Amino acid sequence: ECPQECVEDVKLEVEEMMQHPFCRDLLVPLDAEAGSGVSWGEAK
């Protein structure tokens, strides 16, 4: 959760963390896409 005015910045950070876990590049690239919404279904 975050304030509405921070959503886009947080989405970029979350995507980066999901694509590069453990702060390193993996042999296989990971695709990740963050969404936002009031509920899980809305965020998809």
N, C-alpha and C. Protein backbone atom coordinates (compact mmCIF):
# COMPACT_ATOMS: atom_id res chain seq x y z
N GLU A 1 0.84 -1.17 0.00
CA GLU A 1 0.00 0.00 0.00
C GLU A 1 0.88 1.23 0.00
N CYS A 2 0.40 2.28 -0.66
CA CYS A 2 1.10 3.55 -0.69
C CYS A 2 0.10 4.65 -1.03
N PRO A 3 0.48 5.89 -0.77
CA PRO A 3 -0.40 6.99 -1.15
C PRO A 3 -0.59 7.02 -2.67
N GLN A 4 -1.75 7.45 -3.12
CA GLN A 4 -2.09 7.47 -4.55
C GLN A 4 -1.05 8.24 -5.36
N GLU A 5 -0.51 9.32 -4.82
CA GLU A 5 0.45 10.13 -5.58
C GLU A 5 1.80 9.43 -5.78
N CYS A 6 2.03 8.33 -5.09
CA CYS A 6 3.29 7.59 -5.21
C CYS A 6 3.17 6.32 -6.05
N VAL A 7 1.98 6.01 -6.54
CA VAL A 7 1.72 4.72 -7.19
C VAL A 7 2.68 4.44 -8.34
N GLU A 8 2.86 5.37 -9.26
CA GLU A 8 3.71 5.12 -10.43
C GLU A 8 5.16 4.87 -10.03
N ASP A 9 5.68 5.63 -9.08
CA ASP A 9 7.07 5.42 -8.61
C ASP A 9 7.22 4.06 -7.94
N VAL A 10 6.24 3.70 -7.12
CA VAL A 10 6.30 2.42 -6.42
C VAL A 10 6.18 1.26 -7.41
N LYS A 11 5.32 1.39 -8.41
CA LYS A 11 5.18 0.34 -9.42
C LYS A 11 6.52 0.07 -10.12
N LEU A 12 7.24 1.12 -10.46
CA LEU A 12 8.55 0.95 -11.11
C LEU A 12 9.53 0.22 -10.20
N GLU A 13 9.54 0.59 -8.92
CA GLU A 13 10.44 -0.06 -7.96
C GLU A 13 10.08 -1.53 -7.77
N VAL A 14 8.79 -1.82 -7.66
CA VAL A 14 8.34 -3.20 -7.46
C VAL A 14 8.69 -4.06 -8.68
N GLU A 15 8.45 -3.53 -9.87
CA GLU A 15 8.81 -4.28 -11.08
C GLU A 15 10.31 -4.57 -11.13
N GLU A 16 11.13 -3.60 -10.78
CA GLU A 16 12.58 -3.79 -10.78
C GLU A 16 12.98 -4.88 -9.78
N MET A 17 12.38 -4.87 -8.59
CA MET A 17 12.69 -5.89 -7.58
C MET A 17 12.24 -7.27 -8.03
N MET A 18 11.09 -7.36 -8.70
CA MET A 18 10.60 -8.66 -9.16
C MET A 18 11.44 -9.20 -10.32
N GLN A 19 11.94 -8.31 -11.17
CA GLN A 19 12.72 -8.74 -12.32
C GLN A 19 14.17 -9.07 -11.96
N HIS A 20 14.66 -8.48 -10.88
CA HIS A 20 16.05 -8.70 -10.45
C HIS A 20 16.10 -9.05 -8.96
N PRO A 21 15.56 -10.20 -8.58
CA PRO A 21 15.60 -10.58 -7.16
C PRO A 21 17.04 -10.84 -6.73
N PHE A 22 17.29 -10.70 -5.47
CA PHE A 22 18.61 -10.96 -4.89
C PHE A 22 19.66 -9.98 -5.40
N CYS A 23 19.23 -8.86 -6.00
CA CYS A 23 20.14 -7.81 -6.48
C CYS A 23 21.17 -8.35 -7.46
N ARG A 24 20.78 -9.27 -8.31
CA ARG A 24 21.69 -9.79 -9.34
C ARG A 24 20.90 -10.22 -10.56
N ASP A 25 21.59 -10.27 -11.68
CA ASP A 25 20.96 -10.75 -12.91
C ASP A 25 20.94 -12.26 -12.89
N LEU A 26 19.86 -12.83 -13.36
CA LEU A 26 19.73 -14.28 -13.45
C LEU A 26 20.04 -14.74 -14.87
N LEU A 27 20.27 -16.01 -15.04
CA LEU A 27 20.54 -16.56 -16.37
C LEU A 27 19.32 -16.47 -17.27
N VAL A 28 18.15 -16.53 -16.68
CA VAL A 28 16.89 -16.44 -17.42
C VAL A 28 16.21 -15.13 -17.04
N PRO A 29 15.86 -14.30 -18.02
CA PRO A 29 15.19 -13.04 -17.68
C PRO A 29 13.79 -13.28 -17.10
N LEU A 30 13.41 -12.49 -16.13
CA LEU A 30 12.09 -12.59 -15.53
C LEU A 30 11.23 -11.42 -16.01
N ASP A 31 10.05 -11.72 -16.50
CA ASP A 31 9.09 -10.68 -16.86
C ASP A 31 8.21 -10.42 -15.66
N ALA A 32 7.97 -9.16 -15.37
CA ALA A 32 7.09 -8.81 -14.26
C ALA A 32 6.36 -7.52 -14.61
N GLU A 33 5.12 -7.47 -14.21
CA GLU A 33 4.31 -6.28 -14.46
C GLU A 33 3.51 -5.99 -13.20
N ALA A 34 3.66 -4.80 -12.67
CA ALA A 34 2.93 -4.41 -11.47
C ALA A 34 1.65 -3.69 -11.88
N GLY A 35 0.63 -3.85 -11.09
CA GLY A 35 -0.64 -3.16 -11.32
C GLY A 35 -1.07 -2.46 -10.04
N SER A 36 -2.07 -1.63 -10.15
CA SER A 36 -2.58 -0.95 -8.95
C SER A 36 -4.10 -0.96 -8.99
N GLY A 37 -4.69 -0.92 -7.82
CA GLY A 37 -6.14 -0.90 -7.71
C GLY A 37 -6.57 -1.07 -6.28
N VAL A 38 -7.84 -0.91 -6.06
CA VAL A 38 -8.41 -1.03 -4.72
C VAL A 38 -8.44 -2.49 -4.28
N SER A 39 -8.61 -3.41 -5.24
CA SER A 39 -8.65 -4.83 -4.93
C SER A 39 -7.65 -5.57 -5.81
N TRP A 40 -7.37 -6.83 -5.47
CA TRP A 40 -6.45 -7.66 -6.25
C TRP A 40 -6.95 -7.78 -7.70
N GLY A 41 -8.22 -8.03 -7.88
CA GLY A 41 -8.79 -8.17 -9.21
C GLY A 41 -8.68 -6.90 -10.04
N GLU A 42 -8.84 -5.77 -9.41
CA GLU A 42 -8.73 -4.49 -10.11
C GLU A 42 -7.28 -4.18 -10.50
N ALA A 43 -6.33 -4.69 -9.74
CA ALA A 43 -4.92 -4.41 -9.99
C ALA A 43 -4.36 -5.22 -11.15
N LYS A 44 -5.04 -6.27 -11.55
CA LYS A 44 -4.53 -7.14 -12.63
C LYS A 44 -4.44 -6.44 -13.95
